[in-house]
Amino acid sequence: MEPFETLKLPDGLATLYPDRPAWLEGRRGVIGGSDIASLLGLSSFTSPLEIYYSKVDNAPVVDNEPSEIMHWGNVLEPVILSEWAKNSGVTYDDRLMIVRSSTFPFLGGSPDAIQTNRDGEPIRWIEIKNVRSDRYWKDTEIGMPERVYAQVQHGMLCSGLTEAVVIALVGGSTMIERTVDADAIYQHGIILTADRWWNDHVRTSTPPAPDGTDSSQRALNRAWVAPQGSVEIPYTLLTEYKAALEAGAECKAEQDRIKQVIEQHMGEAEEATVDGVPVATWKISTRNTIDSSRLRKEVPLLAEKYNKSTTTRTFRVL
């Protein structure tokens, strides 16, 4: 395979990827901007556990099907970028890339584009957002949601660029532009968080505890695809789970968290035991759903033709 083209930045190296699958594989080796927002507790889109499984070598690279909001964001992003650049008179490089920090190689960001000067030299990190409202864009001190601020600080940290611009299309009608300067103190917090998480989990192959979110459940379902056998689990986990179930709907989040902890203990086993007695199962089950992404591209009237089977593992307490 031919080596990928690279682009030098002030304190980082951008690797240019020919397609999305290669780019997804490249993301495995770094903590990205959306990753750091989650690790800092600023975003609930992806859990630390799902981030972990996206980094370890033995996990499959998964390209999650985007939600409707994410889909339209991906569609509109180049349009927003092009319109802003035309109105602002700037030039940019929007090739698919990962910018890996020269100082902290476990950090790597994917800009929506890099603004360049007349000589083609990189000068600003560009982040594009398509949002429903300006709620977090006009009434906050930093002028944007903190998860977005974390992303661009992470990007500047990876690249060595000292300025970023965030362009947000609000409600499909209003464009907001925010300039962000590099914040050394904030970036130091990013470094500490990323370094600790990378060393505690990825380097030691130690997955973080699940948090009960849909993201953690996705990660657990993908981690073991051929369950078999049984495994002993701590009795305390079973009693905690049953207590949470008895507490009712108000403890749903705790029910999900403890269930996922039990599943993590079970790993490749499809049956959990306490003192040799079966107490729970986590077995493969398959359900049929409509592939909505393909349905958008094909003929809606032929929906039955595009039925999609989804295989997962179903957890039950015996």
C-alpha atoms as a PDB file:
ATOM      1  CA  MET A   1       0.000   0.000   0.000  1.00  0.00           C
ATOM      2  CA  GLU A   2       1.267   3.468  -0.886  1.00  0.00           C
ATOM      3  CA  PRO A   3       1.923   5.700   2.152  1.00  0.00           C
ATOM      4  CA  PHE A   4      -0.715   8.346   2.746  1.00  0.00           C
ATOM      5  CA  GLU A   5       0.098  11.949   1.882  1.00  0.00           C
ATOM      6  CA  THR A   6       0.958  14.169   4.828  1.00  0.00           C
ATOM      7  CA  LEU A   7       0.781  17.876   5.573  1.00  0.00           C
ATOM      8  CA  LYS A   8       3.002  19.615   8.149  1.00  0.00           C
ATOM      9  CA  LEU A   9       1.412  21.931  10.708  1.00  0.00           C
ATOM     10  CA  PRO A  10       3.121  24.067  13.387  1.00  0.00           C
ATOM     11  CA  ASP A  11       3.097  21.302  16.021  1.00  0.00           C
ATOM     12  CA  GLY A  12       1.372  18.426  14.282  1.00  0.00           C
ATOM     13  CA  LEU A  13       1.323  16.241  11.208  1.00  0.00           C
ATOM     14  CA  ALA A  14      -1.831  15.813   9.127  1.00  0.00           C
ATOM     15  CA  THR A  15      -2.308  12.459   7.434  1.00  0.00           C
ATOM     16  CA  LEU A  16      -4.605  12.692   4.407  1.00  0.00           C
ATOM     17  CA  TYR A  17      -6.921   9.719   3.847  1.00  0.00           C
ATOM     18  CA  PRO A  18      -8.385   8.603   0.500  1.00  0.00           C
ATOM     19  CA  ASP A  19     -11.702   7.408   1.922  1.00  0.00           C
ATOM     20  CA  ARG A  20     -13.785   7.130   5.080  1.00  0.00           C
ATOM     21  CA  PRO A  21     -12.886   3.486   5.939  1.00  0.00           C
ATOM     22  CA  ALA A  22      -9.174   4.364   5.955  1.00  0.00           C
ATOM     23  CA  TRP A  23      -9.917   7.472   8.026  1.00  0.00           C
ATOM     24  CA  LEU A  24     -11.931   5.436  10.553  1.00  0.00           C
ATOM     25  CA  GLU A  25      -9.014   3.032  10.912  1.00  0.00           C
ATOM     26  CA  GLY A  26      -6.674   5.980  11.449  1.00  0.00           C
ATOM     27  CA  ARG A  27      -8.853   7.296  14.291  1.00  0.00           C
ATOM     28  CA  ARG A  28      -8.218   4.092  16.240  1.00  0.00           C
ATOM     29  CA  GLY A  29      -4.778   5.269  17.326  1.00  0.00           C
ATOM     30  CA  VAL A  30      -5.738   8.672  18.762  1.00  0.00           C
ATOM     31  CA  ILE A  31      -8.134  10.435  21.097  1.00  0.00           C
ATOM     32  CA  GLY A  32     -10.170  12.711  18.838  1.00  0.00           C
ATOM     33  CA  GLY A  33     -12.069  15.923  19.448  1.00  0.00           C
ATOM     34  CA  SER A  34     -15.459  14.292  19.969  1.00  0.00           C
ATOM     35  CA  ASP A  35     -13.747  11.687  22.187  1.00  0.00           C
ATOM     36  CA  ILE A  36     -12.246  14.326  24.459  1.00  0.00           C
ATOM     37  CA  ALA A  37     -15.580  16.130  24.803  1.00  0.00           C
ATOM     38  CA  SER A  38     -17.074  12.878  26.139  1.00  0.00           C
ATOM     39  CA  LEU A  39     -14.095  12.117  28.408  1.00  0.00           C
ATOM     40  CA  LEU A  40     -14.392  15.616  29.887  1.00  0.00           C
ATOM     41  CA  GLY A  41     -18.065  14.923  30.645  1.00  0.00           C
ATOM     42  CA  LEU A  42     -19.308  17.503  28.135  1.00  0.00           C
ATOM     43  CA  SER A  43     -21.069  15.162  25.707  1.00  0.00           C
ATOM     44  CA  SER A  44     -23.294  12.120  26.171  1.00  0.00           C
ATOM     45  CA  PHE A  45     -23.149  10.989  22.526  1.00  0.00           C
ATOM     46  CA  THR A  46     -20.379   8.454  23.195  1.00  0.00           C
ATOM     47  CA  SER A  47     -19.476   6.756  26.483  1.00  0.00           C
ATOM     48  CA  PRO A  48     -15.902   6.152  27.684  1.00  0.00           C
ATOM     49  CA  LEU A  49     -16.531   2.425  27.211  1.00  0.00           C
ATOM     50  CA  GLU A  50     -17.495   2.821  23.542  1.00  0.00           C
ATOM     51  CA  ILE A  51     -14.490   5.089  23.018  1.00  0.00           C
ATOM     52  CA  TYR A  52     -12.280   2.395  24.561  1.00  0.00           C
ATOM     53  CA  TYR A  53     -13.512  -0.304  22.195  1.00  0.00           C
ATOM     54  CA  SER A  54     -12.947   2.030  19.243  1.00  0.00           C
ATOM     55  CA  LYS A  55      -9.235   2.235  20.173  1.00  0.00           C
ATOM     56  CA  VAL A  56      -8.123  -1.283  21.129  1.00  0.00           C
ATOM     57  CA  ASP A  57      -6.557  -3.326  18.354  1.00  0.00           C
ATOM     58  CA  ASN A  58      -8.823  -6.378  18.567  1.00  0.00           C
ATOM     59  CA  ALA A  59     -12.078  -4.448  18.205  1.00  0.00           C
ATOM     60  CA  PRO A  60     -13.747  -4.097  14.801  1.00  0.00           C
ATOM     61  CA  VAL A  61     -13.914  -0.598  13.338  1.00  0.00           C
ATOM     62  CA  VAL A  62     -17.608   0.344  13.373  1.00  0.00           C
ATOM     63  CA  ASP A  63     -19.144   3.184  11.391  1.00  0.00           C
ATOM     64  CA  ASN A  64     -22.326   3.909  13.335  1.00  0.00           C
ATOM     65  CA  GLU A  65     -25.387   4.698  11.246  1.00  0.00           C
ATOM     66  CA  PRO A  66     -25.968   8.443  11.691  1.00  0.00           C
ATOM     67  CA  SER A  67     -29.136   9.833  13.191  1.00  0.00           C
ATOM     68  CA  GLU A  68     -31.307  12.091  11.036  1.00  0.00           C
ATOM     69  CA  ILE A  69     -29.675  15.161  12.615  1.00  0.00           C
ATOM     70  CA  MET A  70     -26.173  13.796  12.008  1.00  0.00           C
ATOM     71  CA  HIS A  71     -27.088  12.775   8.453  1.00  0.00           C
ATOM     72  CA  TRP A  72     -28.221  16.269   7.503  1.00  0.00           C
ATOM     73  CA  GLY A  73     -25.253  17.770   9.298  1.00  0.00           C
ATOM     74  CA  ASN A  74     -22.943  15.680   7.110  1.00  0.00           C
ATOM     75  CA  VAL A  75     -24.866  16.669   3.986  1.00  0.00           C
ATOM     76  CA  LEU A  76     -24.925  20.394   4.771  1.00  0.00           C
ATOM     77  CA  GLU A  77     -21.422  20.749   6.210  1.00  0.00           C
ATOM     78  CA  PRO A  78     -19.601  21.299   2.871  1.00  0.00           C
ATOM     79  CA  VAL A  79     -22.354  23.691   1.759  1.00  0.00           C
ATOM     80  CA  ILE A  80     -22.022  25.762   4.935  1.00  0.00           C
ATOM     81  CA  LEU A  81     -18.234  25.777   4.605  1.00  0.00           C
ATOM     82  CA  SER A  82     -18.321  26.819   0.948  1.00  0.00           C
ATOM     83  CA  GLU A  83     -20.845  29.615   1.540  1.00  0.00           C
ATOM     84  CA  TRP A  84     -18.933  30.989   4.530  1.00  0.00           C
ATOM     85  CA  ALA A  85     -15.617  30.901   2.652  1.00  0.00           C
ATOM     86  CA  LYS A  86     -17.146  32.660  -0.363  1.00  0.00           C
ATOM     87  CA  ASN A  87     -18.602  35.428   1.817  1.00  0.00           C
ATOM     88  CA  SER A  88     -15.425  35.736   3.895  1.00  0.00           C
ATOM     89  CA  GLY A  89     -12.984  35.560   1.008  1.00  0.00           C
ATOM     90  CA  VAL A  90     -10.872  32.813   2.581  1.00  0.00           C
ATOM     91  CA  THR A  91      -9.231  29.710   1.166  1.00  0.00           C
ATOM     92  CA  TYR A  92      -9.217  26.345   2.870  1.00  0.00           C
ATOM     93  CA  ASP A  93      -8.196  22.699   2.694  1.00  0.00           C
ATOM     94  CA  ASP A  94     -11.091  20.337   3.473  1.00  0.00           C
ATOM     95  CA  ARG A  95      -9.492  17.031   2.554  1.00  0.00           C
ATOM     96  CA  LEU A  96     -10.179  14.085   4.872  1.00  0.00           C
ATOM     97  CA  MET A  97      -7.412  14.153   7.469  1.00  0.00           C
ATOM     98  CA  ILE A  98      -6.300  13.389  10.989  1.00  0.00           C
ATOM     99  CA  VAL A  99      -3.901  15.854  12.603  1.00  0.00           C
ATOM    100  CA  ARG A 100      -1.736  14.054  15.161  1.00  0.00           C
ATOM    101  CA  SER A 101       0.040  16.107  17.820  1.00  0.00           C
ATOM    102  CA  SER A 102       3.840  15.982  17.566  1.00  0.00           C
ATOM    103  CA  THR A 103       4.173  16.506  21.331  1.00  0.00           C
ATOM    104  CA  PHE A 104       1.326  14.225  22.458  1.00  0.00           C
ATOM    105  CA  PRO A 105       0.964  11.513  19.766  1.00  0.00           C
ATOM    106  CA  PHE A 106      -2.098   9.928  21.421  1.00  0.00           C
ATOM    107  CA  LEU A 107      -4.038  13.096  20.516  1.00  0.00           C
ATOM    108  CA  GLY A 108      -5.352  13.494  16.984  1.00  0.00           C
ATOM    109  CA  GLY A 109      -8.044  15.774  15.598  1.00  0.00           C
ATOM    110  CA  SER A 110     -10.084  15.792  12.392  1.00  0.00           C
ATOM    111  CA  PRO A 111     -10.835  19.356  11.278  1.00  0.00           C
ATOM    112  CA  ASP A 112     -13.781  20.084   9.054  1.00  0.00           C
ATOM    113  CA  ALA A 113     -11.234  22.201   7.183  1.00  0.00           C
ATOM    114  CA  ILE A 114      -7.991  24.115   7.659  1.00  0.00           C
ATOM    115  CA  GLN A 115      -7.955  27.766   6.590  1.00  0.00           C
ATOM    116  CA  THR A 116      -4.895  28.601   4.495  1.00  0.00           C
ATOM    117  CA  ASN A 117      -3.149  31.796   3.454  1.00  0.00           C
ATOM    118  CA  ARG A 118      -2.275  32.828  -0.104  1.00  0.00           C
ATOM    119  CA  ASP A 119       0.770  30.564  -0.038  1.00  0.00           C
ATOM    120  CA  GLY A 120      -1.321  27.564   1.011  1.00  0.00           C
ATOM    121  CA  GLU A 121       0.075  27.539   4.548  1.00  0.00           C
ATOM    122  CA  PRO A 122      -2.313  26.510   7.367  1.00  0.00           C
ATOM    123  CA  ILE A 123      -3.380  29.384   9.625  1.00  0.00           C
ATOM    124  CA  ARG A 124      -6.692  28.468  11.347  1.00  0.00           C
ATOM    125  CA  TRP A 125      -8.601  25.370  12.447  1.00  0.00           C
ATOM    126  CA  ILE A 126     -12.176  25.339  11.060  1.00  0.00           C
ATOM    127  CA  GLU A 127     -15.135  23.639  12.769  1.00  0.00           C
ATOM    128  CA  ILE A 128     -18.584  23.538  11.106  1.00  0.00           C
ATOM    129  CA  LYS A 129     -21.858  22.936  12.973  1.00  0.00           C
ATOM    130  CA  ASN A 130     -25.469  22.645  11.853  1.00  0.00           C
ATOM    131  CA  VAL A 131     -27.699  23.344  14.864  1.00  0.00           C
ATOM    132  CA  ARG A 132     -31.382  23.763  15.621  1.00  0.00           C
ATOM    133  CA  SER A 133     -31.199  26.832  17.877  1.00  0.00           C
ATOM    134  CA  ASP A 134     -28.763  29.443  19.126  1.00  0.00           C
ATOM    135  CA  ARG A 135     -29.533  28.671  22.782  1.00  0.00           C
ATOM    136  CA  TYR A 136     -25.912  27.870  23.701  1.00  0.00           C
ATOM    137  CA  TRP A 137     -24.403  30.247  21.176  1.00  0.00           C
ATOM    138  CA  LYS A 138     -25.536  33.644  22.459  1.00  0.00           C
ATOM    139  CA  ASP A 139     -26.050  33.347  26.226  1.00  0.00           C
ATOM    140  CA  THR A 140     -22.726  31.825  27.289  1.00  0.00           C
ATOM    141  CA  GLU A 141     -19.390  33.468  28.057  1.00  0.00           C
ATOM    142  CA  ILE A 142     -17.534  31.403  25.447  1.00  0.00           C
ATOM    143  CA  GLY A 143     -20.264  31.924  22.822  1.00  0.00           C
ATOM    144  CA  MET A 144     -20.814  28.233  22.070  1.00  0.00           C
ATOM    145  CA  PRO A 145     -21.509  24.916  23.814  1.00  0.00           C
ATOM    146  CA  GLU A 146     -18.480  23.873  25.867  1.00  0.00           C
ATOM    147  CA  ARG A 147     -18.259  20.545  24.040  1.00  0.00           C
ATOM    148  CA  VAL A 148     -17.624  22.518  20.819  1.00  0.00           C
ATOM    149  CA  TYR A 149     -15.111  24.742  22.617  1.00  0.00           C
ATOM    150  CA  ALA A 150     -13.323  21.605  23.865  1.00  0.00           C
ATOM    151  CA  GLN A 151     -13.227  20.200  20.325  1.00  0.00           C
ATOM    152  CA  VAL A 152     -11.550  23.277  18.840  1.00  0.00           C
ATOM    153  CA  GLN A 153      -9.106  23.649  21.747  1.00  0.00           C
ATOM    154  CA  HIS A 154      -8.223  19.997  21.205  1.00  0.00           C
ATOM    155  CA  GLY A 155      -7.775  20.684  17.476  1.00  0.00           C
ATOM    156  CA  MET A 156      -5.461  23.631  18.085  1.00  0.00           C
ATOM    157  CA  LEU A 157      -3.514  21.540  20.611  1.00  0.00           C
ATOM    158  CA  CYS A 158      -3.043  18.762  18.033  1.00  0.00           C
ATOM    159  CA  SER A 159      -1.996  21.127  15.259  1.00  0.00           C
ATOM    160  CA  GLY A 160      -0.116  23.883  17.038  1.00  0.00           C
ATOM    161  CA  LEU A 161      -2.411  26.460  15.410  1.00  0.00           C
ATOM    162  CA  THR A 162      -3.218  29.359  17.718  1.00  0.00           C
ATOM    163  CA  GLU A 163      -6.604  30.321  16.319  1.00  0.00           C
ATOM    164  CA  ALA A 164      -9.769  28.523  15.257  1.00  0.00           C
ATOM    165  CA  VAL A 165     -13.057  29.595  13.708  1.00  0.00           C
ATOM    166  CA  VAL A 166     -16.397  27.936  14.399  1.00  0.00           C
ATOM    167  CA  ILE A 167     -19.181  28.366  11.863  1.00  0.00           C
ATOM    168  CA  ALA A 168     -22.699  27.363  12.926  1.00  0.00           C
ATOM    169  CA  LEU A 169     -25.793  27.384  10.720  1.00  0.00           C
ATOM    170  CA  VAL A 170     -28.715  27.934  13.091  1.00  0.00           C
ATOM    171  CA  GLY A 171     -32.152  26.663  12.150  1.00  0.00           C
ATOM    172  CA  GLY A 172     -31.186  26.500   8.499  1.00  0.00           C
ATOM    173  CA  SER A 173     -31.322  30.292   8.163  1.00  0.00           C
ATOM    174  CA  THR A 174     -28.769  32.150  10.302  1.00  0.00           C
ATOM    175  CA  MET A 175     -25.004  31.758  10.206  1.00  0.00           C
ATOM    176  CA  ILE A 176     -22.944  32.395  13.349  1.00  0.00           C
ATOM    177  CA  GLU A 177     -19.173  32.856  13.298  1.00  0.00           C
ATOM    178  CA  ARG A 178     -17.003  32.550  16.402  1.00  0.00           C
ATOM    179  CA  THR A 179     -13.244  33.062  16.608  1.00  0.00           C
ATOM    180  CA  VAL A 180     -11.438  31.089  19.314  1.00  0.00           C
ATOM    181  CA  ASP A 181      -7.894  31.697  20.560  1.00  0.00           C
ATOM    182  CA  ALA A 182      -5.769  28.872  21.926  1.00  0.00           C
ATOM    183  CA  ASP A 183      -6.167  28.582  25.710  1.00  0.00           C
ATOM    184  CA  ALA A 184      -3.064  26.991  27.264  1.00  0.00           C
ATOM    185  CA  ILE A 185      -4.742  26.377  30.632  1.00  0.00           C
ATOM    186  CA  TYR A 186      -7.765  24.672  29.069  1.00  0.00           C
ATOM    187  CA  GLN A 187      -5.508  22.636  26.796  1.00  0.00           C
ATOM    188  CA  HIS A 188      -3.480  21.514  29.818  1.00  0.00           C
ATOM    189  CA  GLY A 189      -6.690  20.046  31.259  1.00  0.00           C
ATOM    190  CA  ILE A 190      -7.256  18.191  27.979  1.00  0.00           C
ATOM    191  CA  ILE A 191      -3.729  16.767  28.100  1.00  0.00           C
ATOM    192  CA  LEU A 192      -4.106  15.553  31.693  1.00  0.00           C
ATOM    193  CA  THR A 193      -7.488  13.938  31.038  1.00  0.00           C
ATOM    194  CA  ALA A 194      -6.426  12.267  27.788  1.00  0.00           C
ATOM    195  CA  ASP A 195      -3.063  11.076  29.119  1.00  0.00           C
ATOM    196  CA  ARG A 196      -4.603   9.546  32.251  1.00  0.00           C
ATOM    197  CA  TRP A 197      -7.402   7.849  30.316  1.00  0.00           C
ATOM    198  CA  TRP A 198      -5.079   6.509  27.592  1.00  0.00           C
ATOM    199  CA  ASN A 199      -2.623   5.089  30.139  1.00  0.00           C
ATOM    200  CA  ASP A 200      -5.276   3.718  32.509  1.00  0.00           C
ATOM    201  CA  HIS A 201      -7.337   1.999  29.834  1.00  0.00           C
ATOM    202  CA  VAL A 202      -5.920   1.694  26.307  1.00  0.00           C
ATOM    203  CA  ARG A 203      -2.281   0.957  27.181  1.00  0.00           C
ATOM    204  CA  THR A 204      -3.283  -1.551  29.874  1.00  0.00           C
ATOM    205  CA  SER A 205      -6.211  -3.067  27.903  1.00  0.00           C
ATOM    206  CA  THR A 206      -8.476  -2.257  30.849  1.00  0.00           C
ATOM    207  CA  PRO A 207     -11.986  -1.232  29.759  1.00  0.00           C
ATOM    208  CA  PRO A 208     -13.685   1.468  31.842  1.00  0.00           C
ATOM    209  CA  ALA A 209     -16.855   0.612  33.731  1.00  0.00           C
ATOM    210  CA  PRO A 210     -20.102   0.935  31.754  1.00  0.00           C
ATOM    211  CA  ASP A 211     -22.320   3.880  32.669  1.00  0.00           C
ATOM    212  CA  GLY A 212     -25.774   2.600  31.726  1.00  0.00           C
ATOM    213  CA  THR A 213     -26.040   4.619  28.509  1.00  0.00           C
ATOM    214  CA  ASP A 214     -27.097   3.355  25.076  1.00  0.00           C
ATOM    215  CA  SER A 215     -23.519   4.002  23.974  1.00  0.00           C
ATOM    216  CA  SER A 216     -22.134   1.604  26.606  1.00  0.00           C
ATOM    217  CA  GLN A 217     -24.714  -1.007  25.619  1.00  0.00           C
ATOM    218  CA  ARG A 218     -23.633  -0.743  21.968  1.00  0.00           C
ATOM    219  CA  ALA A 219     -20.031  -1.268  23.036  1.00  0.00           C
ATOM    220  CA  LEU A 220     -20.852  -4.333  25.130  1.00  0.00           C
ATOM    221  CA  ASN A 221     -23.001  -5.867  22.392  1.00  0.00           C
ATOM    222  CA  ARG A 222     -20.148  -5.559  19.898  1.00  0.00           C
ATOM    223  CA  ALA A 223     -17.379  -6.763  22.199  1.00  0.00           C
ATOM    224  CA  TRP A 224     -18.416 -10.431  22.230  1.00  0.00           C
ATOM    225  CA  VAL A 225     -20.247 -11.814  19.219  1.00  0.00           C
ATOM    226  CA  ALA A 226     -20.184 -15.583  19.907  1.00  0.00           C
ATOM    227  CA  PRO A 227     -21.177 -16.111  23.564  1.00  0.00           C
ATOM    228  CA  GLN A 228     -20.876 -19.547  25.110  1.00  0.00           C
ATOM    229  CA  GLY A 229     -20.414 -21.215  28.483  1.00  0.00           C
ATOM    230  CA  SER A 230     -21.004 -19.779  31.949  1.00  0.00           C
ATOM    231  CA  VAL A 231     -19.139 -17.630  34.442  1.00  0.00           C
ATOM    232  CA  GLU A 232     -19.438 -16.935  38.176  1.00  0.00           C
ATOM    233  CA  ILE A 233     -20.392 -13.370  39.120  1.00  0.00           C
ATOM    234  CA  PRO A 234     -20.329 -11.641  42.534  1.00  0.00           C
ATOM    235  CA  TYR A 235     -23.513 -12.199  44.544  1.00  0.00           C
ATOM    236  CA  THR A 236     -23.556  -8.500  45.468  1.00  0.00           C
ATOM    237  CA  LEU A 237     -24.068  -7.544  41.814  1.00  0.00           C
ATOM    238  CA  LEU A 238     -27.157  -9.710  41.584  1.00  0.00           C
ATOM    239  CA  THR A 239     -28.663  -8.301  44.788  1.00  0.00           C
ATOM    240  CA  GLU A 240     -27.928  -4.714  43.694  1.00  0.00           C
ATOM    241  CA  TYR A 241     -29.614  -5.325  40.361  1.00  0.00           C
ATOM    242  CA  LYS A 242     -32.695  -6.893  41.919  1.00  0.00           C
ATOM    243  CA  ALA A 243     -32.935  -4.007  44.403  1.00  0.00           C
ATOM    244  CA  ALA A 244     -32.817  -1.514  41.542  1.00  0.00           C
ATOM    245  CA  LEU A 245     -35.551  -3.442  39.710  1.00  0.00           C
ATOM    246  CA  GLU A 246     -37.758  -3.413  42.809  1.00  0.00           C
ATOM    247  CA  ALA A 247     -37.268   0.352  43.140  1.00  0.00           C
ATOM    248  CA  GLY A 248     -39.168   0.798  39.860  1.00  0.00           C
ATOM    249  CA  ALA A 249     -38.964   3.181  36.943  1.00  0.00           C
ATOM    250  CA  GLU A 250     -37.285   6.000  38.874  1.00  0.00           C
ATOM    251  CA  CYS A 251     -34.176   3.805  39.125  1.00  0.00           C
ATOM    252  CA  LYS A 252     -34.047   2.946  35.411  1.00  0.00           C
ATOM    253  CA  ALA A 253     -30.612   4.510  34.914  1.00  0.00           C
ATOM    254  CA  GLU A 254     -29.192   2.524  37.843  1.00  0.00           C
ATOM    255  CA  GLN A 255     -30.853  -0.654  36.553  1.00  0.00           C
ATOM    256  CA  ASP A 256     -29.166  -0.180  33.184  1.00  0.00           C
ATOM    257  CA  ARG A 257     -25.772   0.571  34.751  1.00  0.00           C
ATOM    258  CA  ILE A 258     -25.757  -2.520  37.003  1.00  0.00           C
ATOM    259  CA  LYS A 259     -27.049  -4.724  34.173  1.00  0.00           C
ATOM    260  CA  GLN A 260     -24.159  -3.576  32.016  1.00  0.00           C
ATOM    261  CA  VAL A 261     -21.672  -4.227  34.837  1.00  0.00           C
ATOM    262  CA  ILE A 262     -22.982  -7.798  35.044  1.00  0.00           C
ATOM    263  CA  GLU A 263     -22.690  -8.138  31.264  1.00  0.00           C
ATOM    264  CA  GLN A 264     -19.115  -6.883  31.427  1.00  0.00           C
ATOM    265  CA  HIS A 265     -18.366  -9.552  34.066  1.00  0.00           C
ATOM    266  CA  MET A 266     -19.962 -12.175  31.829  1.00  0.00           C
ATOM    267  CA  GLY A 267     -17.908 -11.269  28.768  1.00  0.00           C
ATOM    268  CA  GLU A 268     -17.960 -14.232  26.386  1.00  0.00           C
ATOM    269  CA  ALA A 269     -20.222 -16.309  28.645  1.00  0.00           C
ATOM    270  CA  GLU A 270     -23.937 -16.533  27.897  1.00  0.00           C
ATOM    271  CA  GLU A 271     -24.865 -17.633  31.436  1.00  0.00           C
ATOM    272  CA  ALA A 272     -24.036 -16.112  34.826  1.00  0.00           C
ATOM    273  CA  THR A 273     -23.996 -18.182  37.999  1.00  0.00           C
ATOM    274  CA  VAL A 274     -23.769 -17.533  41.751  1.00  0.00           C
ATOM    275  CA  ASP A 275     -22.358 -20.442  43.746  1.00  0.00           C
ATOM    276  CA  GLY A 276     -22.847 -22.563  40.634  1.00  0.00           C
ATOM    277  CA  VAL A 277     -26.553 -21.745  40.306  1.00  0.00           C
ATOM    278  CA  PRO A 278     -27.649 -20.027  37.037  1.00  0.00           C
ATOM    279  CA  VAL A 279     -28.971 -16.524  37.799  1.00  0.00           C
ATOM    280  CA  ALA A 280     -28.918 -14.681  34.457  1.00  0.00           C
ATOM    281  CA  THR A 281     -28.441 -15.174  30.726  1.00  0.00           C
ATOM    282  CA  TRP A 282     -27.120 -12.949  27.979  1.00  0.00           C
ATOM    283  CA  LYS A 283     -27.910 -14.685  24.714  1.00  0.00           C
ATOM    284  CA  ILE A 284     -27.891 -13.849  21.040  1.00  0.00           C
ATOM    285  CA  SER A 285     -31.197 -12.637  19.620  1.00  0.00           C
ATOM    286  CA  THR A 286     -32.095 -11.329  16.185  1.00  0.00           C
ATOM    287  CA  ARG A 287     -34.704  -8.760  15.191  1.00  0.00           C
ATOM    288  CA  ASN A 288     -35.743  -7.371  11.825  1.00  0.00           C
ATOM    289  CA  THR A 289     -35.879  -3.630  11.232  1.00  0.00           C
ATOM    290  CA  ILE A 290     -36.157  -1.316   8.245  1.00  0.00           C
ATOM    291  CA  ASP A 291     -32.813   0.061   7.080  1.00  0.00           C
ATOM    292  CA  SER A 292     -33.862   3.723   7.170  1.00  0.00           C
ATOM    293  CA  SER A 293     -30.617   4.974   5.632  1.00  0.00           C
ATOM    294  CA  ARG A 294     -31.046   2.806   2.558  1.00  0.00           C
ATOM    295  CA  LEU A 295     -34.746   3.591   2.491  1.00  0.00           C
ATOM    296  CA  ARG A 296     -33.912   7.270   2.016  1.00  0.00           C
ATOM    297  CA  LYS A 297     -31.924   6.393  -1.080  1.00  0.00           C
ATOM    298  CA  GLU A 298     -34.260   3.816  -2.565  1.00  0.00           C
ATOM    299  CA  VAL A 299     -38.004   3.573  -3.230  1.00  0.00           C
ATOM    300  CA  PRO A 300     -40.084   3.871  -0.023  1.00  0.00           C
ATOM    301  CA  LEU A 301     -42.877   1.731  -1.505  1.00  0.00           C
ATOM    302  CA  LEU A 302     -40.505  -1.216  -1.662  1.00  0.00           C
ATOM    303  CA  ALA A 303     -39.596  -1.026   2.039  1.00  0.00           C
ATOM    304  CA  GLU A 304     -40.189  -4.721   2.646  1.00  0.00           C
ATOM    305  CA  LYS A 305     -37.513  -5.545   0.111  1.00  0.00           C
ATOM    306  CA  TYR A 306     -34.939  -3.767   2.262  1.00  0.00           C
ATOM    307  CA  ASN A 307     -35.626  -5.481   5.561  1.00  0.00           C
ATOM    308  CA  LYS A 308     -32.504  -5.555   7.751  1.00  0.00           C
ATOM    309  CA  SER A 309     -31.713  -8.165  10.403  1.00  0.00           C
ATOM    310  CA  THR A 310     -30.003  -6.980  13.572  1.00  0.00           C
ATOM    311  CA  THR A 311     -28.291  -9.430  15.893  1.00  0.00           C
ATOM    312  CA  THR A 312     -27.742  -8.546  19.526  1.00  0.00           C
ATOM    313  CA  ARG A 313     -27.517 -10.160  22.946  1.00  0.00           C
ATOM    314  CA  THR A 314     -30.527 -10.142  25.282  1.00  0.00           C
ATOM    315  CA  PHE A 315     -29.906 -10.046  29.043  1.00  0.00           C
ATOM    316  CA  ARG A 316     -32.347 -11.785  31.412  1.00  0.00           C
ATOM    317  CA  VAL A 317     -32.328 -12.476  35.135  1.00  0.00           C
ATOM    318  CA  LEU A 318     -33.531 -16.000  35.877  1.00  0.00           C
END
